[in-house]
PDB file of N, CA and C in Angstrom:
ATOM      1  N   MET A   1      -1.408 -12.192  -1.688  1.00  0.00           N
ATOM      2  CA  MET A   1      -1.563 -11.571  -2.994  1.00  0.00           C
ATOM      3  C   MET A   1      -0.297 -11.807  -3.797  1.00  0.00           C
ATOM      4  N   SER A   2      -0.443 -12.164  -5.069  1.00  0.00           N
ATOM      5  CA  SER A   2       0.701 -12.449  -5.930  1.00  0.00           C
ATOM      6  C   SER A   2       0.838 -11.389  -6.998  1.00  0.00           C
ATOM      7  N   SER A   3       2.052 -11.153  -7.423  1.00  0.00           N
ATOM      8  CA  SER A   3       2.308 -10.245  -8.538  1.00  0.00           C
ATOM      9  C   SER A   3       2.407 -11.068  -9.809  1.00  0.00           C
ATOM     10  N   ALA A   4       2.639 -10.391 -10.936  1.00  0.00           N
ATOM     11  CA  ALA A   4       2.778 -11.075 -12.218  1.00  0.00           C
ATOM     12  C   ALA A   4       3.964 -12.038 -12.201  1.00  0.00           C
ATOM     13  N   THR A   5       4.934 -11.793 -11.342  1.00  0.00           N
ATOM     14  CA  THR A   5       6.101 -12.673 -11.264  1.00  0.00           C
ATOM     15  C   THR A   5       5.862 -13.843 -10.328  1.00  0.00           C
ATOM     16  N   GLY A   6       4.719 -13.850  -9.655  1.00  0.00           N
ATOM     17  CA  GLY A   6       4.414 -14.916  -8.715  1.00  0.00           C
ATOM     18  C   GLY A   6       4.885 -14.625  -7.306  1.00  0.00           C
ATOM     19  N   ALA A   7       5.545 -13.499  -7.087  1.00  0.00           N
ATOM     20  CA  ALA A   7       6.014 -13.139  -5.751  1.00  0.00           C
ATOM     21  C   ALA A   7       4.849 -12.599  -4.936  1.00  0.00           C
ATOM     22  N   THR A   8       4.744 -13.035  -3.699  1.00  0.00           N
ATOM     23  CA  THR A   8       3.708 -12.515  -2.818  1.00  0.00           C
ATOM     24  C   THR A   8       4.206 -11.233  -2.170  1.00  0.00           C
ATOM     25  N   VAL A   9       3.294 -10.532  -1.497  1.00  0.00           N
ATOM     26  CA  VAL A   9       3.692  -9.315  -0.782  1.00  0.00           C
ATOM     27  C   VAL A   9       4.769  -9.662   0.237  1.00  0.00           C
ATOM     28  N   ALA A  10       4.606 -10.777   0.941  1.00  0.00           N
ATOM     29  CA  ALA A  10       5.605 -11.184   1.934  1.00  0.00           C
ATOM     30  C   ALA A  10       6.960 -11.422   1.276  1.00  0.00           C
ATOM     31  N   ASP A  11       6.964 -12.023   0.079  1.00  0.00           N
ATOM     32  CA  ASP A  11       8.222 -12.238  -0.640  1.00  0.00           C
ATOM     33  C   ASP A  11       8.887 -10.910  -0.966  1.00  0.00           C
ATOM     34  N   ARG A  12       8.113  -9.921  -1.387  1.00  0.00           N
ATOM     35  CA  ARG A  12       8.686  -8.631  -1.752  1.00  0.00           C
ATOM     36  C   ARG A  12       9.273  -7.933  -0.530  1.00  0.00           C
ATOM     37  N   VAL A  13       8.689  -8.136   0.648  1.00  0.00           N
ATOM     38  CA  VAL A  13       9.252  -7.560   1.866  1.00  0.00           C
ATOM     39  C   VAL A  13      10.648  -8.127   2.082  1.00  0.00           C
ATOM     40  N   HIS A  14      10.809  -9.432   1.900  1.00  0.00           N
ATOM     41  CA  HIS A  14      12.110 -10.064   2.107  1.00  0.00           C
ATOM     42  C   HIS A  14      13.116  -9.662   1.041  1.00  0.00           C
ATOM     43  N   GLU A  15      12.642  -9.295  -0.158  1.00  0.00           N
ATOM     44  CA  GLU A  15      13.537  -8.892  -1.237  1.00  0.00           C
ATOM     45  C   GLU A  15      14.015  -7.450  -1.089  1.00  0.00           C
ATOM     46  N   ASN A  16      13.368  -6.671  -0.236  1.00  0.00           N
ATOM     47  CA  ASN A  16      13.699  -5.264  -0.064  1.00  0.00           C
ATOM     48  C   ASN A  16      15.014  -5.149   0.709  1.00  0.00           C
ATOM     49  N   PRO A  17      16.082  -4.677   0.064  1.00  0.00           N
ATOM     50  CA  PRO A  17      17.391  -4.629   0.719  1.00  0.00           C
ATOM     51  C   PRO A  17      17.471  -3.666   1.901  1.00  0.00           C
ATOM     52  N   SER A  18      16.587  -2.673   1.964  1.00  0.00           N
ATOM     53  CA  SER A  18      16.654  -1.705   3.066  1.00  0.00           C
ATOM     54  C   SER A  18      16.061  -2.266   4.349  1.00  0.00           C
ATOM     55  N   GLY A  19      15.331  -3.369   4.248  1.00  0.00           N
ATOM     56  CA  GLY A  19      14.725  -3.960   5.429  1.00  0.00           C
ATOM     57  C   GLY A  19      13.387  -3.342   5.801  1.00  0.00           C
ATOM     58  N   GLU A  20      12.937  -2.325   5.065  1.00  0.00           N
ATOM     59  CA  GLU A  20      11.641  -1.707   5.345  1.00  0.00           C
ATOM     60  C   GLU A  20      10.517  -2.622   4.874  1.00  0.00           C
ATOM     61  N   GLY A  21       9.373  -2.553   5.530  1.00  0.00           N
ATOM     62  CA  GLY A  21       8.208  -3.282   5.059  1.00  0.00           C
ATOM     63  C   GLY A  21       7.720  -2.678   3.749  1.00  0.00           C
ATOM     64  N   VAL A  22       7.223  -3.518   2.859  1.00  0.00           N
ATOM     65  CA  VAL A  22       6.702  -3.062   1.572  1.00  0.00           C
ATOM     66  C   VAL A  22       5.214  -3.355   1.545  1.00  0.00           C
ATOM     67  N   HIS A  23       4.408  -2.333   1.256  1.00  0.00           N
ATOM     68  CA  HIS A  23       2.960  -2.483   1.215  1.00  0.00           C
ATOM     69  C   HIS A  23       2.452  -1.971  -0.122  1.00  0.00           C
ATOM     70  N   ASP A  24       1.747  -2.803  -0.837  1.00  0.00           N
ATOM     71  CA  ASP A  24       1.199  -2.433  -2.141  1.00  0.00           C
ATOM     72  C   ASP A  24      -0.028  -1.544  -1.931  1.00  0.00           C
ATOM     73  N   ALA A  25      -0.016  -0.337  -2.480  1.00  0.00           N
ATOM     74  CA  ALA A  25      -1.114   0.615  -2.291  1.00  0.00           C
ATOM     75  C   ALA A  25      -2.422   0.066  -2.842  1.00  0.00           C
ATOM     76  N   ARG A  26      -2.370  -0.655  -3.950  1.00  0.00           N
ATOM     77  CA  ARG A  26      -3.602  -1.219  -4.519  1.00  0.00           C
ATOM     78  C   ARG A  26      -4.160  -2.321  -3.623  1.00  0.00           C
ATOM     79  N   ALA A  27      -3.293  -3.045  -2.936  1.00  0.00           N
ATOM     80  CA  ALA A  27      -3.761  -4.049  -1.977  1.00  0.00           C
ATOM     81  C   ALA A  27      -4.382  -3.362  -0.762  1.00  0.00           C
ATOM     82  N   LEU A  28      -3.787  -2.259  -0.316  1.00  0.00           N
ATOM     83  CA  LEU A  28      -4.339  -1.519   0.824  1.00  0.00           C
ATOM     84  C   LEU A  28      -5.724  -0.968   0.525  1.00  0.00           C
ATOM     85  N   THR A  29      -5.944  -0.544  -0.714  1.00  0.00           N
ATOM     86  CA  THR A  29      -7.243   0.020  -1.081  1.00  0.00           C
ATOM     87  C   THR A  29      -8.222  -1.051  -1.537  1.00  0.00           C
ATOM     88  N   ALA A  30      -7.779  -2.291  -1.642  1.00  0.00           N
ATOM     89  CA  ALA A  30      -8.630  -3.434  -2.027  1.00  0.00           C
ATOM     90  C   ALA A  30      -9.408  -3.153  -3.309  1.00  0.00           C
ATOM     91  N   GLY A  31      -8.732  -2.549  -4.278  1.00  0.00           N
ATOM     92  CA  GLY A  31      -9.359  -2.283  -5.569  1.00  0.00           C
ATOM     93  C   GLY A  31     -10.123  -0.972  -5.643  1.00  0.00           C
ATOM     94  N   ALA A  32     -10.279  -0.289  -4.521  1.00  0.00           N
ATOM     95  CA  ALA A  32     -10.971   1.004  -4.508  1.00  0.00           C
ATOM     96  C   ALA A  32      -9.942   2.116  -4.732  1.00  0.00           C
ATOM     97  N   GLN A  33     -10.391   3.342  -4.682  1.00  0.00           N
ATOM     98  CA  GLN A  33      -9.483   4.480  -4.855  1.00  0.00           C
ATOM     99  C   GLN A  33      -8.953   4.999  -3.526  1.00  0.00           C
ATOM    100  N   THR A  34      -9.592   4.617  -2.412  1.00  0.00           N
ATOM    101  CA  THR A  34      -9.173   5.130  -1.110  1.00  0.00           C
ATOM    102  C   THR A  34      -9.097   4.014  -0.072  1.00  0.00           C
ATOM    103  N   ALA A  35      -8.319   4.278   0.977  1.00  0.00           N
ATOM    104  CA  ALA A  35      -8.228   3.388   2.132  1.00  0.00           C
ATOM    105  C   ALA A  35      -8.056   4.253   3.372  1.00  0.00           C
ATOM    106  N   ARG A  36      -8.616   3.811   4.486  1.00  0.00           N
ATOM    107  CA  ARG A  36      -8.421   4.486   5.769  1.00  0.00           C
ATOM    108  C   ARG A  36      -7.241   3.837   6.463  1.00  0.00           C
ATOM    109  N   ILE A  37      -6.359   4.655   6.997  1.00  0.00           N
ATOM    110  CA  ILE A  37      -5.195   4.177   7.734  1.00  0.00           C
ATOM    111  C   ILE A  37      -5.239   4.820   9.113  1.00  0.00           C
ATOM    112  N   MET A  38      -5.103   4.008  10.151  1.00  0.00           N
ATOM    113  CA  MET A  38      -5.125   4.511  11.521  1.00  0.00           C
ATOM    114  C   MET A  38      -3.708   4.543  12.079  1.00  0.00           C
ATOM    115  N   LEU A  39      -3.393   5.628  12.787  1.00  0.00           N
ATOM    116  CA  LEU A  39      -2.110   5.764  13.469  1.00  0.00           C
ATOM    117  C   LEU A  39      -2.346   6.481  14.788  1.00  0.00           C
ATOM    118  N   ASP A  40      -2.065   5.810  15.880  1.00  0.00           N
ATOM    119  CA  ASP A  40      -2.214   6.399  17.218  1.00  0.00           C
ATOM    120  C   ASP A  40      -3.588   7.028  17.417  1.00  0.00           C
ATOM    121  N   GLY A  41      -4.635   6.340  16.964  1.00  0.00           N
ATOM    122  CA  GLY A  41      -5.996   6.822  17.151  1.00  0.00           C
ATOM    123  C   GLY A  41      -6.439   7.876  16.152  1.00  0.00           C
ATOM    124  N   GLN A  42      -5.569   8.269  15.246  1.00  0.00           N
ATOM    125  CA  GLN A  42      -5.901   9.258  14.222  1.00  0.00           C
ATOM    126  C   GLN A  42      -6.176   8.549  12.903  1.00  0.00           C
ATOM    127  N   SER A  43      -7.194   9.011  12.186  1.00  0.00           N
ATOM    128  CA  SER A  43      -7.572   8.413  10.913  1.00  0.00           C
ATOM    129  C   SER A  43      -7.021   9.242   9.755  1.00  0.00           C
ATOM    130  N   TYR A  44      -6.417   8.567   8.802  1.00  0.00           N
ATOM    131  CA  TYR A  44      -5.871   9.200   7.601  1.00  0.00           C
ATOM    132  C   TYR A  44      -6.487   8.530   6.386  1.00  0.00           C
ATOM    133  N   THR A  45      -6.577   9.260   5.279  1.00  0.00           N
ATOM    134  CA  THR A  45      -7.094   8.703   4.037  1.00  0.00           C
ATOM    135  C   THR A  45      -5.975   8.644   3.011  1.00  0.00           C
ATOM    136  N   LEU A  46      -5.763   7.452   2.473  1.00  0.00           N
ATOM    137  CA  LEU A  46      -4.819   7.250   1.384  1.00  0.00           C
ATOM    138  C   LEU A  46      -5.637   7.183   0.109  1.00  0.00           C
ATOM    139  N   ARG A  47      -5.310   8.033  -0.856  1.00  0.00           N
ATOM    140  CA  ARG A  47      -6.068   8.078  -2.109  1.00  0.00           C
ATOM    141  C   ARG A  47      -5.136   7.886  -3.288  1.00  0.00           C
ATOM    142  N   ILE A  48      -5.579   7.071  -4.252  1.00  0.00           N
ATOM    143  CA  ILE A  48      -4.855   6.897  -5.503  1.00  0.00           C
ATOM    144  C   ILE A  48      -5.536   7.794  -6.533  1.00  0.00           C
ATOM    145  N   THR A  49      -4.789   8.716  -7.121  1.00  0.00           N
ATOM    146  CA  THR A  49      -5.360   9.640  -8.103  1.00  0.00           C
ATOM    147  C   THR A  49      -5.483   8.964  -9.464  1.00  0.00           C
ATOM    148  N   ARG A  50      -6.196   9.621 -10.371  1.00  0.00           N
ATOM    149  CA  ARG A  50      -6.323   9.097 -11.741  1.00  0.00           C
ATOM    150  C   ARG A  50      -4.970   9.017 -12.433  1.00  0.00           C
ATOM    151  N   ALA A  51      -4.035   9.860 -12.011  1.00  0.00           N
ATOM    152  CA  ALA A  51      -2.690   9.864 -12.595  1.00  0.00           C
ATOM    153  C   ALA A  51      -1.786   8.805 -11.962  1.00  0.00           C
ATOM    154  N   GLY A  52      -2.323   8.043 -11.000  1.00  0.00           N
ATOM    155  CA  GLY A  52      -1.534   6.998 -10.362  1.00  0.00           C
ATOM    156  C   GLY A  52      -0.637   7.486  -9.244  1.00  0.00           C
ATOM    157  N   LYS A  53      -0.908   8.678  -8.729  1.00  0.00           N
ATOM    158  CA  LYS A  53      -0.131   9.235  -7.616  1.00  0.00           C
ATOM    159  C   LYS A  53      -0.856   8.919  -6.308  1.00  0.00           C
ATOM    160  N   LEU A  54      -0.126   8.997  -5.198  1.00  0.00           N
ATOM    161  CA  LEU A  54      -0.714   8.770  -3.885  1.00  0.00           C
ATOM    162  C   LEU A  54      -0.825  10.076  -3.123  1.00  0.00           C
ATOM    163  N   ILE A  55      -1.958  10.250  -2.440  1.00  0.00           N
ATOM    164  CA  ILE A  55      -2.171  11.409  -1.579  1.00  0.00           C
ATOM    165  C   ILE A  55      -2.612  10.879  -0.223  1.00  0.00           C
ATOM    166  N   LEU A  56      -1.947  11.320   0.845  1.00  0.00           N
ATOM    167  CA  LEU A  56      -2.304  10.945   2.204  1.00  0.00           C
ATOM    168  C   LEU A  56      -2.777  12.198   2.919  1.00  0.00           C
ATOM    169  N   THR A  57      -4.028  12.175   3.406  1.00  0.00           N
ATOM    170  CA  THR A  57      -4.586  13.336   4.101  1.00  0.00           C
ATOM    171  C   THR A  57      -5.146  12.907   5.447  1.00  0.00           C
ATOM    172  N   LYS A  58      -5.241  13.870   6.356  1.00  0.00           N
ATOM    173  CA  LYS A  58      -5.790  13.610   7.683  1.00  0.00           C
ATOM    174  C   LYS A  58      -7.263  13.887   7.674  1.00  0.00           C
TER     175      LYS A  58
END
């Protein structure tokens, strides 16, 4: 996936000075408002609100 600057998600990870992985929330939701995220067998829902905020619920 490319941004308006032409940088891919992988490029942005390398540009992050803290060394943390960078994940685009809109890419995770694939254009929808929600995405399921699994952690240690537990399912979580990531939701993008109309105000552009993120909510993570179990």
